[in-house]
């Protein structure tokens, strides 16, 4: 399609097995749209295994519209069957796609439940009947996960402060450095407590991937060997819930003004290195931008602005 649209196509026709192979779009007009683009560019579509000629006659147009509808319905029904099968396997405690996560590994098991091998990053099973479960990863990674939970519950640290603490200690991270989002994911994912979680996002029938509401999640407790005690995991969720309502806008500005008086300036680096300050995401959520937050706190290099009702 790119070759045709920009005019670099070296072919004069597009050969397709049948109408369904041209596309099982849920909107049947989409298949017709792409076919029209090809015809307009001088590369008409020919269906090789159909009983009709693609000659724009009335009968051909009706048949194509019917077959496009049938192809879309087949795709929908196939999606429902795949969804039902994945849901059943998730109930049985098998992992359905995705990475393992820091401190965990994907273990390939046979149909009778015997361990076969640890899958490396990007590696997939090659036998359809095999299944995948999660198991604890290397000992050093598991110890880091335990430390993250200890800092969250015992030290009452936010995920942002935990990431900063880990970076200051030069503790190895799954990426170039520890980030708030990575720590938050470790602290909130039930798989660390041994639960199999499925259907957190959906991209069925060609739609873009969307996040599913939590009531739509399928959570199967006790599916895997837990890295974190389930009781500790629940305590962590309670601690994180309290942190969400920790600051008002006025309290945040007072913290920024106090650091400004001590440091004489406000910068992104100072924000990262000051343990009493919240994360940049918190400031952006309250004030829109970091520049506006710094200006409201009295930073001399920021344009003056007024704080809203937030």
C-alpha atoms as a PDB file:
ATOM      1  CA  UNK A   1       0.000   0.000   0.000  1.00  0.00           C
ATOM      2  CA  UNK A   2       2.877   2.381   0.759  1.00  0.00           C
ATOM      3  CA  UNK A   3       4.424   1.654  -2.648  1.00  0.00           C
ATOM      4  CA  UNK A   4       1.105   2.336  -4.362  1.00  0.00           C
ATOM      5  CA  UNK A   5       0.285   5.520  -2.439  1.00  0.00           C
ATOM      6  CA  UNK A   6       3.670   7.192  -3.073  1.00  0.00           C
ATOM      7  CA  UNK A   7       3.764   6.011  -6.710  1.00  0.00           C
ATOM      8  CA  UNK A   8       6.824   3.756  -6.585  1.00  0.00           C
ATOM      9  CA  UNK A   9       4.975   0.480  -7.293  1.00  0.00           C
ATOM     10  CA  UNK A  10       6.634  -1.525 -10.084  1.00  0.00           C
ATOM     11  CA  UNK A  11       3.641  -3.879 -10.428  1.00  0.00           C
ATOM     12  CA  UNK A  12       0.443  -3.475 -12.483  1.00  0.00           C
ATOM     13  CA  UNK A  13      -1.901  -5.710 -10.459  1.00  0.00           C
ATOM     14  CA  UNK A  14      -2.418  -7.208  -7.008  1.00  0.00           C
ATOM     15  CA  UNK A  15      -3.231 -10.937  -6.909  1.00  0.00           C
ATOM     16  CA  UNK A  16      -5.196 -12.159  -3.871  1.00  0.00           C
ATOM     17  CA  UNK A  17      -6.349 -15.683  -3.060  1.00  0.00           C
ATOM     18  CA  UNK A  18      -9.912 -14.622  -2.193  1.00  0.00           C
ATOM     19  CA  UNK A  19     -11.920 -11.765  -0.682  1.00  0.00           C
ATOM     20  CA  UNK A  20     -11.218 -12.800   2.917  1.00  0.00           C
ATOM     21  CA  UNK A  21      -7.455 -12.740   2.276  1.00  0.00           C
ATOM     22  CA  UNK A  22      -7.684  -9.077   1.243  1.00  0.00           C
ATOM     23  CA  UNK A  23      -8.755  -8.278   4.804  1.00  0.00           C
ATOM     24  CA  UNK A  24     -11.209  -9.287   7.508  1.00  0.00           C
ATOM     25  CA  UNK A  25     -11.905  -5.697   8.552  1.00  0.00           C
ATOM     26  CA  UNK A  26     -14.764  -5.162  10.971  1.00  0.00           C
ATOM     27  CA  UNK A  27     -15.694  -2.134   8.853  1.00  0.00           C
ATOM     28  CA  UNK A  28     -16.277  -3.687   5.436  1.00  0.00           C
ATOM     29  CA  UNK A  29     -15.847  -0.310   3.740  1.00  0.00           C
ATOM     30  CA  UNK A  30     -12.165  -0.391   4.740  1.00  0.00           C
ATOM     31  CA  UNK A  31     -11.471  -3.325   2.401  1.00  0.00           C
ATOM     32  CA  UNK A  32     -13.304  -1.515  -0.409  1.00  0.00           C
ATOM     33  CA  UNK A  33     -11.345   1.666   0.345  1.00  0.00           C
ATOM     34  CA  UNK A  34      -7.955  -0.051  -0.069  1.00  0.00           C
ATOM     35  CA  UNK A  35      -9.114  -1.809  -3.227  1.00  0.00           C
ATOM     36  CA  UNK A  36     -10.211   1.505  -4.728  1.00  0.00           C
ATOM     37  CA  UNK A  37      -6.802   3.096  -3.950  1.00  0.00           C
ATOM     38  CA  UNK A  38      -5.049   0.270  -5.802  1.00  0.00           C
ATOM     39  CA  UNK A  39      -7.375   0.538  -8.807  1.00  0.00           C
ATOM     40  CA  UNK A  40      -6.984   4.318  -8.932  1.00  0.00           C
ATOM     41  CA  UNK A  41      -3.180   3.924  -8.944  1.00  0.00           C
ATOM     42  CA  UNK A  42      -3.318   1.550 -11.898  1.00  0.00           C
ATOM     43  CA  UNK A  43      -2.837  -1.697  -9.943  1.00  0.00           C
ATOM     44  CA  UNK A  44      -6.292  -3.341  -9.726  1.00  0.00           C
ATOM     45  CA  UNK A  45      -6.991  -6.199  -7.302  1.00  0.00           C
ATOM     46  CA  UNK A  46      -7.722  -9.639  -8.795  1.00  0.00           C
ATOM     47  CA  UNK A  47      -9.249 -12.425  -6.660  1.00  0.00           C
ATOM     48  CA  UNK A  48      -7.737 -15.668  -7.961  1.00  0.00           C
ATOM     49  CA  UNK A  49      -9.940 -18.209  -6.190  1.00  0.00           C
ATOM     50  CA  UNK A  50     -13.332 -16.545  -6.586  1.00  0.00           C
ATOM     51  CA  UNK A  51     -16.000 -17.497  -9.121  1.00  0.00           C
ATOM     52  CA  UNK A  52     -16.531 -13.907 -10.294  1.00  0.00           C
ATOM     53  CA  UNK A  53     -14.469 -11.423 -12.271  1.00  0.00           C
ATOM     54  CA  UNK A  54     -13.634  -8.202 -10.445  1.00  0.00           C
ATOM     55  CA  UNK A  55     -15.189  -6.121 -13.203  1.00  0.00           C
ATOM     56  CA  UNK A  56     -17.224  -3.573 -11.162  1.00  0.00           C
ATOM     57  CA  UNK A  57     -20.517  -5.084 -12.320  1.00  0.00           C
ATOM     58  CA  UNK A  58     -23.553  -4.953 -10.044  1.00  0.00           C
ATOM     59  CA  UNK A  59     -23.474  -8.678  -9.273  1.00  0.00           C
ATOM     60  CA  UNK A  60     -19.745  -8.551  -8.463  1.00  0.00           C
ATOM     61  CA  UNK A  61     -20.213  -5.579  -6.134  1.00  0.00           C
ATOM     62  CA  UNK A  62     -23.016  -7.356  -4.247  1.00  0.00           C
ATOM     63  CA  UNK A  63     -21.024 -10.595  -3.911  1.00  0.00           C
ATOM     64  CA  UNK A  64     -17.920  -8.750  -2.712  1.00  0.00           C
ATOM     65  CA  UNK A  65     -19.925  -6.819  -0.113  1.00  0.00           C
ATOM     66  CA  UNK A  66     -21.464 -10.075   1.153  1.00  0.00           C
ATOM     67  CA  UNK A  67     -18.132 -11.887   1.312  1.00  0.00           C
ATOM     68  CA  UNK A  68     -16.486  -8.950   3.094  1.00  0.00           C
ATOM     69  CA  UNK A  69     -19.239  -9.106   5.712  1.00  0.00           C
ATOM     70  CA  UNK A  70     -18.758 -12.873   6.055  1.00  0.00           C
ATOM     71  CA  UNK A  71     -14.986 -12.382   6.464  1.00  0.00           C
ATOM     72  CA  UNK A  72     -15.534  -9.771   9.177  1.00  0.00           C
ATOM     73  CA  UNK A  73     -17.940 -12.097  11.035  1.00  0.00           C
ATOM     74  CA  UNK A  74     -15.455 -14.981  10.777  1.00  0.00           C
ATOM     75  CA  UNK A  75     -12.777 -12.739  12.289  1.00  0.00           C
ATOM     76  CA  UNK A  76     -15.116 -11.735  15.127  1.00  0.00           C
ATOM     77  CA  UNK A  77     -16.059 -15.350  15.899  1.00  0.00           C
ATOM     78  CA  UNK A  78     -12.404 -16.433  15.774  1.00  0.00           C
ATOM     79  CA  UNK A  79     -11.535 -13.626  18.199  1.00  0.00           C
ATOM     80  CA  UNK A  80     -14.245 -14.831  20.599  1.00  0.00           C
ATOM     81  CA  UNK A  81     -12.880 -18.387  20.495  1.00  0.00           C
ATOM     82  CA  UNK A  82      -9.303 -17.239  21.053  1.00  0.00           C
ATOM     83  CA  UNK A  83     -10.466 -15.019  23.937  1.00  0.00           C
ATOM     84  CA  UNK A  84     -12.350 -17.908  25.566  1.00  0.00           C
ATOM     85  CA  UNK A  85      -9.349 -20.218  25.197  1.00  0.00           C
ATOM     86  CA  UNK A  86      -6.927 -17.685  26.666  1.00  0.00           C
ATOM     87  CA  UNK A  87      -9.305 -17.046  29.563  1.00  0.00           C
ATOM     88  CA  UNK A  88      -9.508 -20.765  30.345  1.00  0.00           C
ATOM     89  CA  UNK A  89      -5.711 -21.133  30.324  1.00  0.00           C
ATOM     90  CA  UNK A  90      -5.362 -18.050  32.542  1.00  0.00           C
ATOM     91  CA  UNK A  91      -7.781 -19.648  35.029  1.00  0.00           C
ATOM     92  CA  UNK A  92      -5.512 -22.698  35.054  1.00  0.00           C
ATOM     93  CA  UNK A  93      -2.586 -20.471  36.048  1.00  0.00           C
ATOM     94  CA  UNK A  94      -0.656 -20.339  32.775  1.00  0.00           C
ATOM     95  CA  UNK A  95       0.921 -17.085  31.639  1.00  0.00           C
ATOM     96  CA  UNK A  96      -0.601 -15.672  28.441  1.00  0.00           C
ATOM     97  CA  UNK A  97       2.116 -13.649  26.724  1.00  0.00           C
ATOM     98  CA  UNK A  98       4.159 -10.704  27.958  1.00  0.00           C
ATOM     99  CA  UNK A  99       7.505 -10.457  29.726  1.00  0.00           C
ATOM    100  CA  UNK A 100       8.295 -11.995  33.095  1.00  0.00           C
ATOM    101  CA  UNK A 101       9.349  -8.822  34.899  1.00  0.00           C
ATOM    102  CA  UNK A 102      12.345  -8.067  37.123  1.00  0.00           C
ATOM    103  CA  UNK A 103      12.961 -10.811  39.695  1.00  0.00           C
ATOM    104  CA  UNK A 104      10.924 -13.377  37.757  1.00  0.00           C
ATOM    105  CA  UNK A 105      11.540 -15.748  34.869  1.00  0.00           C
ATOM    106  CA  UNK A 106       9.322 -17.612  32.381  1.00  0.00           C
ATOM    107  CA  UNK A 107       9.500 -21.388  32.743  1.00  0.00           C
ATOM    108  CA  UNK A 108       8.405 -23.602  29.854  1.00  0.00           C
ATOM    109  CA  UNK A 109       6.568 -26.730  30.971  1.00  0.00           C
ATOM    110  CA  UNK A 110       5.262 -29.712  29.024  1.00  0.00           C
ATOM    111  CA  UNK A 111       1.623 -30.707  28.736  1.00  0.00           C
ATOM    112  CA  UNK A 112       2.044 -33.058  31.729  1.00  0.00           C
ATOM    113  CA  UNK A 113       3.533 -30.260  33.872  1.00  0.00           C
ATOM    114  CA  UNK A 114       7.219 -31.204  33.687  1.00  0.00           C
ATOM    115  CA  UNK A 115       9.718 -28.279  33.568  1.00  0.00           C
ATOM    116  CA  UNK A 116      11.575 -28.008  30.262  1.00  0.00           C
ATOM    117  CA  UNK A 117      13.637 -24.783  30.221  1.00  0.00           C
ATOM    118  CA  UNK A 118      13.821 -21.135  31.255  1.00  0.00           C
ATOM    119  CA  UNK A 119      12.858 -18.950  28.315  1.00  0.00           C
ATOM    120  CA  UNK A 120      15.225 -16.109  27.510  1.00  0.00           C
ATOM    121  CA  UNK A 121      14.058 -12.602  26.586  1.00  0.00           C
ATOM    122  CA  UNK A 122      12.068 -12.727  23.341  1.00  0.00           C
ATOM    123  CA  UNK A 123      12.110 -16.538  23.191  1.00  0.00           C
ATOM    124  CA  UNK A 124       8.782 -18.288  22.628  1.00  0.00           C
ATOM    125  CA  UNK A 125       7.545 -21.841  22.966  1.00  0.00           C
ATOM    126  CA  UNK A 126       7.763 -23.959  19.801  1.00  0.00           C
ATOM    127  CA  UNK A 127       5.261 -26.704  20.715  1.00  0.00           C
ATOM    128  CA  UNK A 128       1.626 -25.678  20.863  1.00  0.00           C
ATOM    129  CA  UNK A 129       0.745 -27.943  23.795  1.00  0.00           C
ATOM    130  CA  UNK A 130       3.512 -26.533  26.016  1.00  0.00           C
ATOM    131  CA  UNK A 131       2.631 -23.941  28.646  1.00  0.00           C
ATOM    132  CA  UNK A 132       4.468 -21.104  30.402  1.00  0.00           C
ATOM    133  CA  UNK A 133       4.475 -20.233  34.108  1.00  0.00           C
ATOM    134  CA  UNK A 134       6.423 -17.727  36.194  1.00  0.00           C
ATOM    135  CA  UNK A 135       9.119 -18.725  38.674  1.00  0.00           C
ATOM    136  CA  UNK A 136      11.426 -16.661  40.922  1.00  0.00           C
ATOM    137  CA  UNK A 137      14.448 -15.296  39.076  1.00  0.00           C
ATOM    138  CA  UNK A 138      18.107 -15.080  40.170  1.00  0.00           C
ATOM    139  CA  UNK A 139      18.704 -14.684  43.903  1.00  0.00           C
ATOM    140  CA  UNK A 140      20.197 -11.182  43.583  1.00  0.00           C
ATOM    141  CA  UNK A 141      17.130  -9.905  41.703  1.00  0.00           C
ATOM    142  CA  UNK A 142      14.752 -11.470  44.242  1.00  0.00           C
ATOM    143  CA  UNK A 143      16.656  -9.764  47.076  1.00  0.00           C
ATOM    144  CA  UNK A 144      16.310  -6.393  45.316  1.00  0.00           C
ATOM    145  CA  UNK A 145      12.546  -6.942  44.982  1.00  0.00           C
ATOM    146  CA  UNK A 146      12.382  -7.702  48.720  1.00  0.00           C
ATOM    147  CA  UNK A 147      14.285  -4.490  49.446  1.00  0.00           C
ATOM    148  CA  UNK A 148      11.898  -2.459  47.309  1.00  0.00           C
ATOM    149  CA  UNK A 149       8.931  -3.778  49.306  1.00  0.00           C
ATOM    150  CA  UNK A 150      10.756  -3.166  52.596  1.00  0.00           C
ATOM    151  CA  UNK A 151      11.407   0.466  51.671  1.00  0.00           C
ATOM    152  CA  UNK A 152       7.769   0.911  50.666  1.00  0.00           C
ATOM    153  CA  UNK A 153       6.262  -0.592  53.841  1.00  0.00           C
ATOM    154  CA  UNK A 154       8.849  -0.214  56.606  1.00  0.00           C
ATOM    155  CA  UNK A 155      10.337   3.122  55.481  1.00  0.00           C
ATOM    156  CA  UNK A 156       7.078   4.425  53.936  1.00  0.00           C
ATOM    157  CA  UNK A 157       8.915   5.572  50.810  1.00  0.00           C
ATOM    158  CA  UNK A 158       7.150   6.474  47.585  1.00  0.00           C
ATOM    159  CA  UNK A 159       8.108   4.676  44.381  1.00  0.00           C
ATOM    160  CA  UNK A 160       9.926   7.828  43.260  1.00  0.00           C
ATOM    161  CA  UNK A 161      12.067   7.973  46.418  1.00  0.00           C
ATOM    162  CA  UNK A 162      12.742   4.222  46.231  1.00  0.00           C
ATOM    163  CA  UNK A 163      14.024   4.585  42.650  1.00  0.00           C
ATOM    164  CA  UNK A 164      16.281   7.436  43.736  1.00  0.00           C
ATOM    165  CA  UNK A 165      17.554   5.433  46.717  1.00  0.00           C
ATOM    166  CA  UNK A 166      18.372   2.430  44.533  1.00  0.00           C
ATOM    167  CA  UNK A 167      20.232   4.631  42.049  1.00  0.00           C
ATOM    168  CA  UNK A 168      22.235   6.251  44.858  1.00  0.00           C
ATOM    169  CA  UNK A 169      23.270   2.773  46.038  1.00  0.00           C
ATOM    170  CA  UNK A 170      24.213   1.798  42.451  1.00  0.00           C
ATOM    171  CA  UNK A 171      21.941  -1.237  42.642  1.00  0.00           C
ATOM    172  CA  UNK A 172      21.626  -2.951  39.237  1.00  0.00           C
ATOM    173  CA  UNK A 173      18.384  -2.166  37.422  1.00  0.00           C
ATOM    174  CA  UNK A 174      16.503  -3.842  34.547  1.00  0.00           C
ATOM    175  CA  UNK A 175      17.276  -0.785  32.360  1.00  0.00           C
ATOM    176  CA  UNK A 176      19.983   1.879  32.426  1.00  0.00           C
ATOM    177  CA  UNK A 177      18.753   3.181  35.797  1.00  0.00           C
ATOM    178  CA  UNK A 178      15.879   2.755  38.229  1.00  0.00           C
ATOM    179  CA  UNK A 179      12.784   4.727  37.308  1.00  0.00           C
ATOM    180  CA  UNK A 180       9.641   5.475  39.266  1.00  0.00           C
ATOM    181  CA  UNK A 181       7.467   3.623  36.754  1.00  0.00           C
ATOM    182  CA  UNK A 182       9.566   0.444  37.057  1.00  0.00           C
ATOM    183  CA  UNK A 183       9.446   0.493  40.869  1.00  0.00           C
ATOM    184  CA  UNK A 184       5.715   1.201  40.816  1.00  0.00           C
ATOM    185  CA  UNK A 185       5.116  -1.752  38.526  1.00  0.00           C
ATOM    186  CA  UNK A 186       7.034  -4.066  40.858  1.00  0.00           C
ATOM    187  CA  UNK A 187       5.089  -2.795  43.869  1.00  0.00           C
ATOM    188  CA  UNK A 188       1.637  -3.145  42.312  1.00  0.00           C
ATOM    189  CA  UNK A 189       1.775  -6.243  40.081  1.00  0.00           C
ATOM    190  CA  UNK A 190       0.022  -9.225  41.762  1.00  0.00           C
ATOM    191  CA  UNK A 191       2.324 -11.683  39.983  1.00  0.00           C
ATOM    192  CA  UNK A 192       4.975 -10.976  42.636  1.00  0.00           C
ATOM    193  CA  UNK A 193       2.509 -12.398  45.195  1.00  0.00           C
ATOM    194  CA  UNK A 194       2.034 -15.519  43.049  1.00  0.00           C
ATOM    195  CA  UNK A 195      -1.169 -14.464  41.258  1.00  0.00           C
ATOM    196  CA  UNK A 196      -1.709 -14.876  37.543  1.00  0.00           C
ATOM    197  CA  UNK A 197      -3.194 -11.675  36.081  1.00  0.00           C
ATOM    198  CA  UNK A 198      -4.821 -11.569  32.658  1.00  0.00           C
ATOM    199  CA  UNK A 199      -6.907  -9.113  30.584  1.00  0.00           C
ATOM    200  CA  UNK A 200      -5.381  -5.910  31.953  1.00  0.00           C
ATOM    201  CA  UNK A 201      -5.327  -4.588  28.395  1.00  0.00           C
ATOM    202  CA  UNK A 202      -7.167  -5.500  25.229  1.00  0.00           C
ATOM    203  CA  UNK A 203      -6.571  -4.980  21.512  1.00  0.00           C
ATOM    204  CA  UNK A 204      -9.133  -7.274  19.947  1.00  0.00           C
ATOM    205  CA  UNK A 205     -10.386  -7.073  16.349  1.00  0.00           C
ATOM    206  CA  UNK A 206      -7.699  -4.662  15.216  1.00  0.00           C
ATOM    207  CA  UNK A 207      -8.535  -1.958  17.731  1.00  0.00           C
ATOM    208  CA  UNK A 208      -5.717  -0.133  19.463  1.00  0.00           C
ATOM    209  CA  UNK A 209      -4.628  -1.510  22.803  1.00  0.00           C
ATOM    210  CA  UNK A 210      -6.714  -0.144  25.656  1.00  0.00           C
ATOM    211  CA  UNK A 211      -6.430  -0.577  29.426  1.00  0.00           C
ATOM    212  CA  UNK A 212      -9.215  -2.603  30.959  1.00  0.00           C
ATOM    213  CA  UNK A 213     -10.922  -1.496  34.200  1.00  0.00           C
ATOM    214  CA  UNK A 214      -9.768  -3.492  37.211  1.00  0.00           C
ATOM    215  CA  UNK A 215     -13.102  -5.368  37.629  1.00  0.00           C
ATOM    216  CA  UNK A 216     -12.460  -6.856  34.160  1.00  0.00           C
ATOM    217  CA  UNK A 217      -9.106  -8.335  35.205  1.00  0.00           C
ATOM    218  CA  UNK A 218      -8.834 -12.066  35.764  1.00  0.00           C
ATOM    219  CA  UNK A 219      -6.705 -12.725  38.861  1.00  0.00           C
ATOM    220  CA  UNK A 220      -5.911 -16.330  39.782  1.00  0.00           C
ATOM    221  CA  UNK A 221      -4.240 -16.467  43.245  1.00  0.00           C
ATOM    222  CA  UNK A 222      -1.614 -19.087  43.976  1.00  0.00           C
ATOM    223  CA  UNK A 223      -0.822 -19.751  40.321  1.00  0.00           C
ATOM    224  CA  UNK A 224       2.942 -19.246  40.724  1.00  0.00           C
ATOM    225  CA  UNK A 225       5.540 -19.474  43.462  1.00  0.00           C
ATOM    226  CA  UNK A 226       5.327 -16.128  45.265  1.00  0.00           C
ATOM    227  CA  UNK A 227       8.358 -13.843  45.423  1.00  0.00           C
ATOM    228  CA  UNK A 228       6.573 -11.597  47.948  1.00  0.00           C
ATOM    229  CA  UNK A 229       4.326 -12.874  50.737  1.00  0.00           C
ATOM    230  CA  UNK A 230       0.686 -12.131  49.773  1.00  0.00           C
ATOM    231  CA  UNK A 231       0.076 -10.468  53.162  1.00  0.00           C
ATOM    232  CA  UNK A 232       3.024  -8.129  52.616  1.00  0.00           C
ATOM    233  CA  UNK A 233       1.742  -7.406  49.109  1.00  0.00           C
ATOM    234  CA  UNK A 234      -1.640  -6.287  50.494  1.00  0.00           C
ATOM    235  CA  UNK A 235       0.092  -4.132  53.123  1.00  0.00           C
ATOM    236  CA  UNK A 236       2.062  -2.489  50.331  1.00  0.00           C
ATOM    237  CA  UNK A 237      -1.096  -1.675  48.358  1.00  0.00           C
ATOM    238  CA  UNK A 238      -2.582  -0.039  51.466  1.00  0.00           C
ATOM    239  CA  UNK A 239       0.581   2.027  52.003  1.00  0.00           C
ATOM    240  CA  UNK A 240       0.602   3.166  48.364  1.00  0.00           C
ATOM    241  CA  UNK A 241      -3.071   4.159  48.571  1.00  0.00           C
ATOM    242  CA  UNK A 242      -2.302   6.457  51.517  1.00  0.00           C
ATOM    243  CA  UNK A 243       0.577   8.076  49.621  1.00  0.00           C
ATOM    244  CA  UNK A 244      -1.749   9.150  46.799  1.00  0.00           C
ATOM    245  CA  UNK A 245      -3.460  11.720  49.002  1.00  0.00           C
ATOM    246  CA  UNK A 246      -0.341  12.935  50.800  1.00  0.00           C
ATOM    247  CA  UNK A 247       0.021  16.511  49.466  1.00  0.00           C
ATOM    248  CA  UNK A 248      -2.125  19.534  48.695  1.00  0.00           C
ATOM    249  CA  UNK A 249      -0.986  22.146  46.174  1.00  0.00           C
ATOM    250  CA  UNK A 250      -0.157  24.585  48.955  1.00  0.00           C
ATOM    251  CA  UNK A 251       1.948  21.988  50.801  1.00  0.00           C
ATOM    252  CA  UNK A 252       3.893  21.273  47.627  1.00  0.00           C
ATOM    253  CA  UNK A 253       4.623  24.974  47.127  1.00  0.00           C
ATOM    254  CA  UNK A 254       5.866  25.290  50.703  1.00  0.00           C
ATOM    255  CA  UNK A 255       8.263  22.400  50.125  1.00  0.00           C
ATOM    256  CA  UNK A 256       9.539  24.004  46.915  1.00  0.00           C
ATOM    257  CA  UNK A 257      10.005  27.382  48.629  1.00  0.00           C
ATOM    258  CA  UNK A 258      11.955  25.773  51.473  1.00  0.00           C
ATOM    259  CA  UNK A 259      14.346  24.076  49.021  1.00  0.00           C
ATOM    260  CA  UNK A 260      14.601  27.316  47.012  1.00  0.00           C
ATOM    261  CA  UNK A 261      15.706  29.194  50.143  1.00  0.00           C
ATOM    262  CA  UNK A 262      18.307  26.511  50.938  1.00  0.00           C
ATOM    263  CA  UNK A 263      19.674  25.939  47.426  1.00  0.00           C
ATOM    264  CA  UNK A 264      19.063  29.378  45.914  1.00  0.00           C
ATOM    265  CA  UNK A 265      17.597  27.770  42.794  1.00  0.00           C
ATOM    266  CA  UNK A 266      15.161  25.134  41.543  1.00  0.00           C
ATOM    267  CA  UNK A 267      16.213  22.741  38.781  1.00  0.00           C
ATOM    268  CA  UNK A 268      15.329  19.275  37.592  1.00  0.00           C
ATOM    269  CA  UNK A 269      18.536  17.954  39.172  1.00  0.00           C
ATOM    270  CA  UNK A 270      17.762  19.563  42.541  1.00  0.00           C
ATOM    271  CA  UNK A 271      14.287  18.062  42.346  1.00  0.00           C
ATOM    272  CA  UNK A 272      15.773  14.591  41.851  1.00  0.00           C
ATOM    273  CA  UNK A 273      18.329  14.969  44.632  1.00  0.00           C
ATOM    274  CA  UNK A 274      16.047  16.470  47.329  1.00  0.00           C
ATOM    275  CA  UNK A 275      14.398  13.632  49.286  1.00  0.00           C
ATOM    276  CA  UNK A 276      11.757  15.937  50.796  1.00  0.00           C
ATOM    277  CA  UNK A 277      10.432  16.930  47.370  1.00  0.00           C
ATOM    278  CA  UNK A 278       7.825  14.825  45.529  1.00  0.00           C
ATOM    279  CA  UNK A 279       8.285  13.458  42.025  1.00  0.00           C
ATOM    280  CA  UNK A 280       8.025  15.614  38.919  1.00  0.00           C
ATOM    281  CA  UNK A 281       4.858  13.710  37.983  1.00  0.00           C
ATOM    282  CA  UNK A 282       3.200  14.872  41.217  1.00  0.00           C
ATOM    283  CA  UNK A 283       4.157  18.486  40.525  1.00  0.00           C
ATOM    284  CA  UNK A 284       2.952  18.295  36.939  1.00  0.00           C
ATOM    285  CA  UNK A 285      -0.333  16.763  38.077  1.00  0.00           C
ATOM    286  CA  UNK A 286      -0.918  19.694  40.470  1.00  0.00           C
ATOM    287  CA  UNK A 287       0.451  22.608  38.418  1.00  0.00           C
ATOM    288  CA  UNK A 288       0.496  21.542  34.767  1.00  0.00           C
ATOM    289  CA  UNK A 289       4.260  21.978  34.192  1.00  0.00           C
ATOM    290  CA  UNK A 290       7.441  22.055  36.265  1.00  0.00           C
ATOM    291  CA  UNK A 291       8.098  25.620  35.065  1.00  0.00           C
ATOM    292  CA  UNK A 292       4.766  26.765  36.448  1.00  0.00           C
ATOM    293  CA  UNK A 293       5.410  24.983  39.772  1.00  0.00           C
ATOM    294  CA  UNK A 294       8.842  26.632  40.089  1.00  0.00           C
ATOM    295  CA  UNK A 295       7.373  30.033  39.190  1.00  0.00           C
ATOM    296  CA  UNK A 296       4.632  29.748  41.802  1.00  0.00           C
ATOM    297  CA  UNK A 297       7.299  28.894  44.383  1.00  0.00           C
ATOM    298  CA  UNK A 298       9.121  32.122  43.515  1.00  0.00           C
ATOM    299  CA  UNK A 299      11.935  30.922  41.271  1.00  0.00           C
ATOM    300  CA  UNK A 300      13.488  34.069  39.699  1.00  0.00           C
ATOM    301  CA  UNK A 301      14.043  32.570  36.235  1.00  0.00           C
ATOM    302  CA  UNK A 302      10.387  31.548  35.786  1.00  0.00           C
ATOM    303  CA  UNK A 303       7.622  33.731  34.476  1.00  0.00           C
ATOM    304  CA  UNK A 304       5.150  34.756  37.196  1.00  0.00           C
ATOM    305  CA  UNK A 305       1.834  32.919  37.253  1.00  0.00           C
ATOM    306  CA  UNK A 306      -1.094  32.490  39.579  1.00  0.00           C
ATOM    307  CA  UNK A 307      -2.075  29.305  41.358  1.00  0.00           C
ATOM    308  CA  UNK A 308      -5.511  27.971  40.484  1.00  0.00           C
ATOM    309  CA  UNK A 309      -8.125  26.326  42.652  1.00  0.00           C
ATOM    310  CA  UNK A 310      -6.183  23.059  42.519  1.00  0.00           C
END
